[in-house]
N, C-alpha and C. Protein backbone atom coordinates (compact mmCIF):
# COMPACT_ATOMS: atom_id res chain seq x y z
N MET A 1 -105.83 71.30 -47.72
CA MET A 1 -104.82 70.29 -47.87
C MET A 1 -103.47 70.73 -47.33
N SER A 2 -103.30 71.94 -47.01
CA SER A 2 -102.02 72.41 -46.52
C SER A 2 -101.70 71.88 -45.13
N PHE A 3 -102.63 71.28 -44.44
CA PHE A 3 -102.34 70.74 -43.12
C PHE A 3 -101.53 69.44 -43.21
N LEU A 4 -101.41 68.79 -44.39
CA LEU A 4 -100.61 67.59 -44.55
C LEU A 4 -99.13 67.92 -44.79
N ILE A 5 -98.85 69.13 -45.21
CA ILE A 5 -97.48 69.53 -45.50
C ILE A 5 -97.01 70.43 -44.37
N PRO A 6 -96.00 69.96 -43.60
CA PRO A 6 -95.54 70.80 -42.49
C PRO A 6 -94.72 71.99 -43.02
N ALA A 7 -94.73 73.04 -42.29
CA ALA A 7 -93.98 74.23 -42.67
C ALA A 7 -92.52 74.04 -42.27
N ALA A 8 -91.59 74.49 -43.11
CA ALA A 8 -90.16 74.38 -42.84
C ALA A 8 -89.69 75.73 -42.34
N TYR A 9 -89.06 75.71 -41.17
CA TYR A 9 -88.55 76.94 -40.57
C TYR A 9 -87.03 76.86 -40.52
N ALA A 10 -86.36 77.93 -40.80
CA ALA A 10 -84.91 77.98 -40.75
C ALA A 10 -84.45 78.02 -39.30
N GLU A 11 -83.29 77.37 -39.02
CA GLU A 11 -82.76 77.40 -37.67
C GLU A 11 -81.95 78.67 -37.47
N ALA A 12 -81.65 78.93 -36.23
CA ALA A 12 -80.86 80.12 -35.92
C ALA A 12 -79.43 79.92 -36.44
N ALA A 13 -78.76 80.99 -36.78
CA ALA A 13 -77.40 80.91 -37.32
C ALA A 13 -76.45 80.34 -36.28
N ALA A 14 -75.56 79.43 -36.73
CA ALA A 14 -74.59 78.81 -35.83
C ALA A 14 -73.47 79.79 -35.52
N PRO A 15 -72.83 79.69 -34.36
CA PRO A 15 -71.72 80.58 -34.04
C PRO A 15 -70.56 80.34 -35.02
N ALA A 16 -69.66 81.29 -35.09
CA ALA A 16 -68.57 81.26 -36.07
C ALA A 16 -67.52 80.20 -35.75
N GLY A 17 -67.53 79.57 -34.61
CA GLY A 17 -66.54 78.55 -34.23
C GLY A 17 -66.75 77.26 -35.01
N ALA A 18 -66.03 76.23 -34.59
CA ALA A 18 -66.12 74.93 -35.24
C ALA A 18 -67.48 74.31 -34.95
N PRO A 19 -68.00 73.55 -35.89
CA PRO A 19 -69.28 72.90 -35.66
C PRO A 19 -69.15 71.83 -34.59
N PRO A 20 -70.19 71.57 -33.86
CA PRO A 20 -70.10 70.55 -32.81
C PRO A 20 -69.83 69.17 -33.42
N GLY A 21 -68.96 68.42 -32.79
CA GLY A 21 -68.64 67.08 -33.25
C GLY A 21 -67.56 67.03 -34.33
N ALA A 22 -66.91 68.12 -34.64
CA ALA A 22 -65.89 68.12 -35.68
C ALA A 22 -64.64 67.33 -35.27
N GLY A 23 -64.36 67.23 -33.99
CA GLY A 23 -63.19 66.49 -33.52
C GLY A 23 -63.32 64.99 -33.71
N PHE A 24 -64.54 64.48 -33.75
CA PHE A 24 -64.76 63.05 -33.92
C PHE A 24 -64.35 62.56 -35.32
N GLU A 25 -64.40 63.43 -36.30
CA GLU A 25 -64.01 63.04 -37.65
C GLU A 25 -62.53 62.64 -37.67
N TRP A 26 -61.68 63.41 -37.00
CA TRP A 26 -60.25 63.10 -36.96
C TRP A 26 -59.98 61.83 -36.18
N ILE A 27 -60.71 61.63 -35.12
CA ILE A 27 -60.53 60.42 -34.31
C ILE A 27 -60.85 59.18 -35.13
N PHE A 28 -61.95 59.22 -35.89
CA PHE A 28 -62.31 58.09 -36.73
C PHE A 28 -61.29 57.86 -37.84
N LEU A 29 -60.78 58.92 -38.44
CA LEU A 29 -59.78 58.79 -39.50
C LEU A 29 -58.49 58.19 -38.95
N VAL A 30 -58.02 58.69 -37.84
CA VAL A 30 -56.79 58.16 -37.23
C VAL A 30 -57.01 56.71 -36.79
N GLY A 31 -58.15 56.42 -36.21
CA GLY A 31 -58.46 55.05 -35.80
C GLY A 31 -58.48 54.10 -36.98
N PHE A 32 -59.06 54.54 -38.08
CA PHE A 32 -59.10 53.72 -39.29
C PHE A 32 -57.70 53.46 -39.81
N LEU A 33 -56.85 54.46 -39.82
CA LEU A 33 -55.48 54.29 -40.30
C LEU A 33 -54.68 53.34 -39.40
N VAL A 34 -54.88 53.42 -38.10
CA VAL A 34 -54.19 52.52 -37.17
C VAL A 34 -54.64 51.08 -37.40
N ILE A 35 -55.92 50.87 -37.55
CA ILE A 35 -56.44 49.52 -37.80
C ILE A 35 -55.92 48.99 -39.14
N PHE A 36 -55.91 49.84 -40.16
CA PHE A 36 -55.38 49.45 -41.47
C PHE A 36 -53.93 49.02 -41.35
N TYR A 37 -53.13 49.77 -40.62
CA TYR A 37 -51.72 49.44 -40.45
C TYR A 37 -51.54 48.13 -39.70
N LEU A 38 -52.26 47.95 -38.60
CA LEU A 38 -52.09 46.77 -37.76
C LEU A 38 -52.61 45.49 -38.41
N MET A 39 -53.69 45.59 -39.18
CA MET A 39 -54.31 44.39 -39.70
C MET A 39 -53.89 44.04 -41.13
N ILE A 40 -53.42 45.01 -41.90
CA ILE A 40 -53.10 44.75 -43.30
C ILE A 40 -51.64 45.00 -43.62
N TRP A 41 -51.15 46.17 -43.36
CA TRP A 41 -49.81 46.56 -43.80
C TRP A 41 -48.71 45.77 -43.10
N ARG A 42 -48.74 45.75 -41.77
CA ARG A 42 -47.66 45.12 -41.01
C ARG A 42 -47.56 43.61 -41.24
N PRO A 43 -48.66 42.85 -41.20
CA PRO A 43 -48.53 41.41 -41.47
C PRO A 43 -48.04 41.11 -42.90
N GLN A 44 -48.49 41.90 -43.86
CA GLN A 44 -48.05 41.67 -45.24
C GLN A 44 -46.56 41.96 -45.39
N ALA A 45 -46.08 43.00 -44.76
CA ALA A 45 -44.65 43.33 -44.82
C ALA A 45 -43.83 42.24 -44.12
N LYS A 46 -44.34 41.70 -43.04
CA LYS A 46 -43.64 40.64 -42.31
C LYS A 46 -43.54 39.38 -43.17
N ARG A 47 -44.65 39.01 -43.85
CA ARG A 47 -44.63 37.84 -44.73
C ARG A 47 -43.66 38.04 -45.89
N ALA A 48 -43.65 39.23 -46.47
CA ALA A 48 -42.74 39.51 -47.59
C ALA A 48 -41.29 39.41 -47.14
N LYS A 49 -40.99 39.88 -45.95
CA LYS A 49 -39.62 39.81 -45.42
C LYS A 49 -39.20 38.36 -45.18
N GLU A 50 -40.10 37.54 -44.64
CA GLU A 50 -39.80 36.14 -44.41
C GLU A 50 -39.57 35.39 -45.72
N HIS A 51 -40.39 35.70 -46.74
CA HIS A 51 -40.23 35.05 -48.04
C HIS A 51 -38.91 35.45 -48.70
N LYS A 52 -38.54 36.72 -48.57
CA LYS A 52 -37.27 37.19 -49.12
C LYS A 52 -36.10 36.49 -48.44
N ASN A 53 -36.18 36.32 -47.11
CA ASN A 53 -35.12 35.62 -46.38
C ASN A 53 -35.05 34.15 -46.80
N LEU A 54 -36.21 33.52 -47.04
CA LEU A 54 -36.25 32.14 -47.49
C LEU A 54 -35.55 31.99 -48.84
N LEU A 55 -35.85 32.89 -49.77
CA LEU A 55 -35.26 32.80 -51.11
C LEU A 55 -33.77 33.11 -51.10
N SER A 56 -33.36 34.05 -50.28
CA SER A 56 -31.93 34.39 -50.24
C SER A 56 -31.11 33.32 -49.54
N GLY A 57 -31.73 32.52 -48.71
CA GLY A 57 -31.01 31.49 -47.97
C GLY A 57 -31.04 30.11 -48.61
N LEU A 58 -31.55 30.00 -49.84
CA LEU A 58 -31.62 28.70 -50.51
C LEU A 58 -30.22 28.18 -50.81
N GLN A 59 -30.03 26.89 -50.57
CA GLN A 59 -28.75 26.25 -50.84
C GLN A 59 -29.00 24.90 -51.51
N LYS A 60 -27.97 24.38 -52.10
CA LYS A 60 -28.06 23.05 -52.70
C LYS A 60 -28.35 22.03 -51.59
N GLY A 61 -29.32 21.17 -51.83
CA GLY A 61 -29.70 20.15 -50.86
C GLY A 61 -30.93 20.49 -50.05
N ASP A 62 -31.39 21.74 -50.07
CA ASP A 62 -32.60 22.11 -49.35
C ASP A 62 -33.82 21.47 -50.00
N GLU A 63 -34.77 21.09 -49.19
CA GLU A 63 -36.02 20.53 -49.69
C GLU A 63 -37.09 21.62 -49.61
N VAL A 64 -37.77 21.86 -50.74
CA VAL A 64 -38.71 22.97 -50.83
C VAL A 64 -40.02 22.54 -51.50
N VAL A 65 -41.02 23.40 -51.37
CA VAL A 65 -42.31 23.23 -52.04
C VAL A 65 -42.58 24.47 -52.86
N THR A 66 -43.12 24.28 -54.08
CA THR A 66 -43.43 25.41 -54.95
C THR A 66 -44.90 25.80 -54.81
N THR A 67 -45.27 26.90 -55.45
CA THR A 67 -46.68 27.34 -55.40
C THR A 67 -47.60 26.34 -56.06
N GLY A 68 -47.09 25.54 -56.99
CA GLY A 68 -47.90 24.52 -57.65
C GLY A 68 -48.01 23.24 -56.86
N GLY A 69 -47.34 23.16 -55.71
CA GLY A 69 -47.40 21.97 -54.87
C GLY A 69 -46.34 20.94 -55.18
N ILE A 70 -45.37 21.28 -56.00
CA ILE A 70 -44.29 20.36 -56.34
C ILE A 70 -43.23 20.41 -55.24
N ALA A 71 -42.91 19.25 -54.71
CA ALA A 71 -41.89 19.15 -53.68
C ALA A 71 -40.63 18.58 -54.31
N GLY A 72 -39.48 19.16 -53.99
CA GLY A 72 -38.24 18.68 -54.57
C GLY A 72 -37.04 19.16 -53.79
N ARG A 73 -35.87 18.66 -54.21
CA ARG A 73 -34.61 19.02 -53.58
C ARG A 73 -33.87 19.98 -54.51
N VAL A 74 -33.30 21.02 -53.96
CA VAL A 74 -32.58 22.02 -54.75
C VAL A 74 -31.25 21.43 -55.21
N ASN A 75 -31.01 21.46 -56.54
CA ASN A 75 -29.74 20.99 -57.08
C ASN A 75 -28.82 22.13 -57.47
N LYS A 76 -29.41 23.22 -57.94
CA LYS A 76 -28.60 24.35 -58.40
C LYS A 76 -29.37 25.63 -58.13
N VAL A 77 -28.66 26.65 -57.66
CA VAL A 77 -29.28 27.94 -57.38
C VAL A 77 -28.60 29.00 -58.24
N ALA A 78 -29.40 29.73 -59.02
CA ALA A 78 -28.89 30.85 -59.81
C ALA A 78 -29.56 32.12 -59.28
N ASP A 79 -29.36 33.24 -59.98
CA ASP A 79 -29.94 34.50 -59.51
C ASP A 79 -31.46 34.47 -59.51
N ASP A 80 -32.07 34.03 -60.62
CA ASP A 80 -33.52 34.07 -60.74
C ASP A 80 -34.17 32.69 -60.79
N PHE A 81 -33.38 31.66 -61.04
CA PHE A 81 -33.94 30.32 -61.22
C PHE A 81 -33.29 29.32 -60.28
N VAL A 82 -34.02 28.23 -60.05
CA VAL A 82 -33.56 27.14 -59.20
C VAL A 82 -33.85 25.84 -59.94
N VAL A 83 -32.92 24.89 -59.89
CA VAL A 83 -33.14 23.58 -60.47
C VAL A 83 -33.52 22.63 -59.34
N LEU A 84 -34.74 22.05 -59.45
CA LEU A 84 -35.23 21.13 -58.43
C LEU A 84 -35.14 19.70 -58.94
N GLU A 85 -34.70 18.81 -58.10
CA GLU A 85 -34.71 17.38 -58.41
C GLU A 85 -36.00 16.82 -57.80
N VAL A 86 -36.92 16.44 -58.69
CA VAL A 86 -38.22 15.95 -58.25
C VAL A 86 -38.14 14.44 -58.00
N SER A 87 -37.44 13.72 -58.86
CA SER A 87 -37.17 12.30 -58.66
C SER A 87 -35.74 12.03 -59.12
N ASP A 88 -35.36 10.76 -59.18
CA ASP A 88 -33.98 10.44 -59.55
C ASP A 88 -33.63 10.90 -60.95
N THR A 89 -34.58 10.91 -61.87
CA THR A 89 -34.29 11.23 -63.27
C THR A 89 -34.93 12.52 -63.74
N VAL A 90 -35.70 13.19 -62.90
CA VAL A 90 -36.44 14.38 -63.33
C VAL A 90 -35.92 15.61 -62.59
N GLU A 91 -35.52 16.61 -63.36
CA GLU A 91 -35.12 17.90 -62.80
C GLU A 91 -35.97 18.99 -63.45
N LEU A 92 -36.42 19.93 -62.66
CA LEU A 92 -37.24 21.04 -63.14
C LEU A 92 -36.53 22.35 -62.87
N LYS A 93 -36.58 23.25 -63.83
CA LYS A 93 -36.03 24.59 -63.64
C LYS A 93 -37.21 25.53 -63.38
N ILE A 94 -37.22 26.15 -62.21
CA ILE A 94 -38.33 27.03 -61.84
C ILE A 94 -37.78 28.38 -61.37
N GLN A 95 -38.65 29.37 -61.35
CA GLN A 95 -38.27 30.68 -60.83
C GLN A 95 -38.18 30.61 -59.31
N LYS A 96 -37.28 31.41 -58.76
CA LYS A 96 -37.12 31.44 -57.30
C LYS A 96 -38.40 31.88 -56.60
N GLY A 97 -39.11 32.82 -57.19
CA GLY A 97 -40.32 33.35 -56.57
C GLY A 97 -41.43 32.33 -56.42
N ALA A 98 -41.33 31.20 -57.14
CA ALA A 98 -42.36 30.17 -57.05
C ALA A 98 -42.19 29.28 -55.82
N ILE A 99 -41.09 29.42 -55.12
CA ILE A 99 -40.87 28.62 -53.91
C ILE A 99 -41.58 29.30 -52.75
N VAL A 100 -42.42 28.52 -52.05
CA VAL A 100 -43.19 29.11 -50.96
C VAL A 100 -42.79 28.61 -49.58
N ALA A 101 -42.17 27.44 -49.50
CA ALA A 101 -41.83 26.91 -48.18
C ALA A 101 -40.60 26.01 -48.26
N SER A 102 -39.90 25.95 -47.18
CA SER A 102 -38.77 25.05 -47.03
C SER A 102 -39.20 23.91 -46.11
N LEU A 103 -38.86 22.69 -46.49
CA LEU A 103 -39.24 21.53 -45.71
C LEU A 103 -38.09 21.06 -44.84
N PRO A 104 -38.38 20.39 -43.74
CA PRO A 104 -37.31 19.82 -42.93
C PRO A 104 -36.58 18.71 -43.71
N LYS A 105 -35.32 18.50 -43.42
CA LYS A 105 -34.52 17.48 -44.09
C LYS A 105 -35.16 16.10 -43.89
N GLY A 106 -35.20 15.31 -44.96
CA GLY A 106 -35.75 13.96 -44.89
C GLY A 106 -37.23 13.87 -45.17
N THR A 107 -37.88 14.97 -45.43
CA THR A 107 -39.32 14.95 -45.69
C THR A 107 -39.64 14.24 -47.00
N LEU A 108 -38.82 14.44 -48.01
CA LEU A 108 -39.08 13.83 -49.32
C LEU A 108 -38.96 12.31 -49.26
N LYS A 109 -38.08 11.79 -48.44
CA LYS A 109 -37.95 10.33 -48.32
C LYS A 109 -39.16 9.74 -47.61
N ALA A 110 -39.76 10.51 -46.73
CA ALA A 110 -40.91 10.01 -45.97
C ALA A 110 -42.20 10.02 -46.80
N ILE A 111 -42.20 10.77 -47.90
CA ILE A 111 -43.43 10.88 -48.71
C ILE A 111 -43.59 9.66 -49.58
């Protein structure tokens, strides 16, 4: 029955230098980091910068949309909160961070 089990032989000792193919590990690691930066980090940082500029530039009279889909006109801007006029008699106080987009002037009248 020993003919079904092959014999295992040890290979010759490798030279003391670097193993073959060791340089490819660094190339893959650097390539992965570059792809991670280009596809994830940079676009996210760009979006965060645009959102920060949007929130810092809010003024009375701007028309905006919130994360909940509420569209309204800015009546008052404070440090952390904004008062939105949703209709003639309804005003909502929301956090600044909940604003996701600014609309062109006159959009609310067209809706």
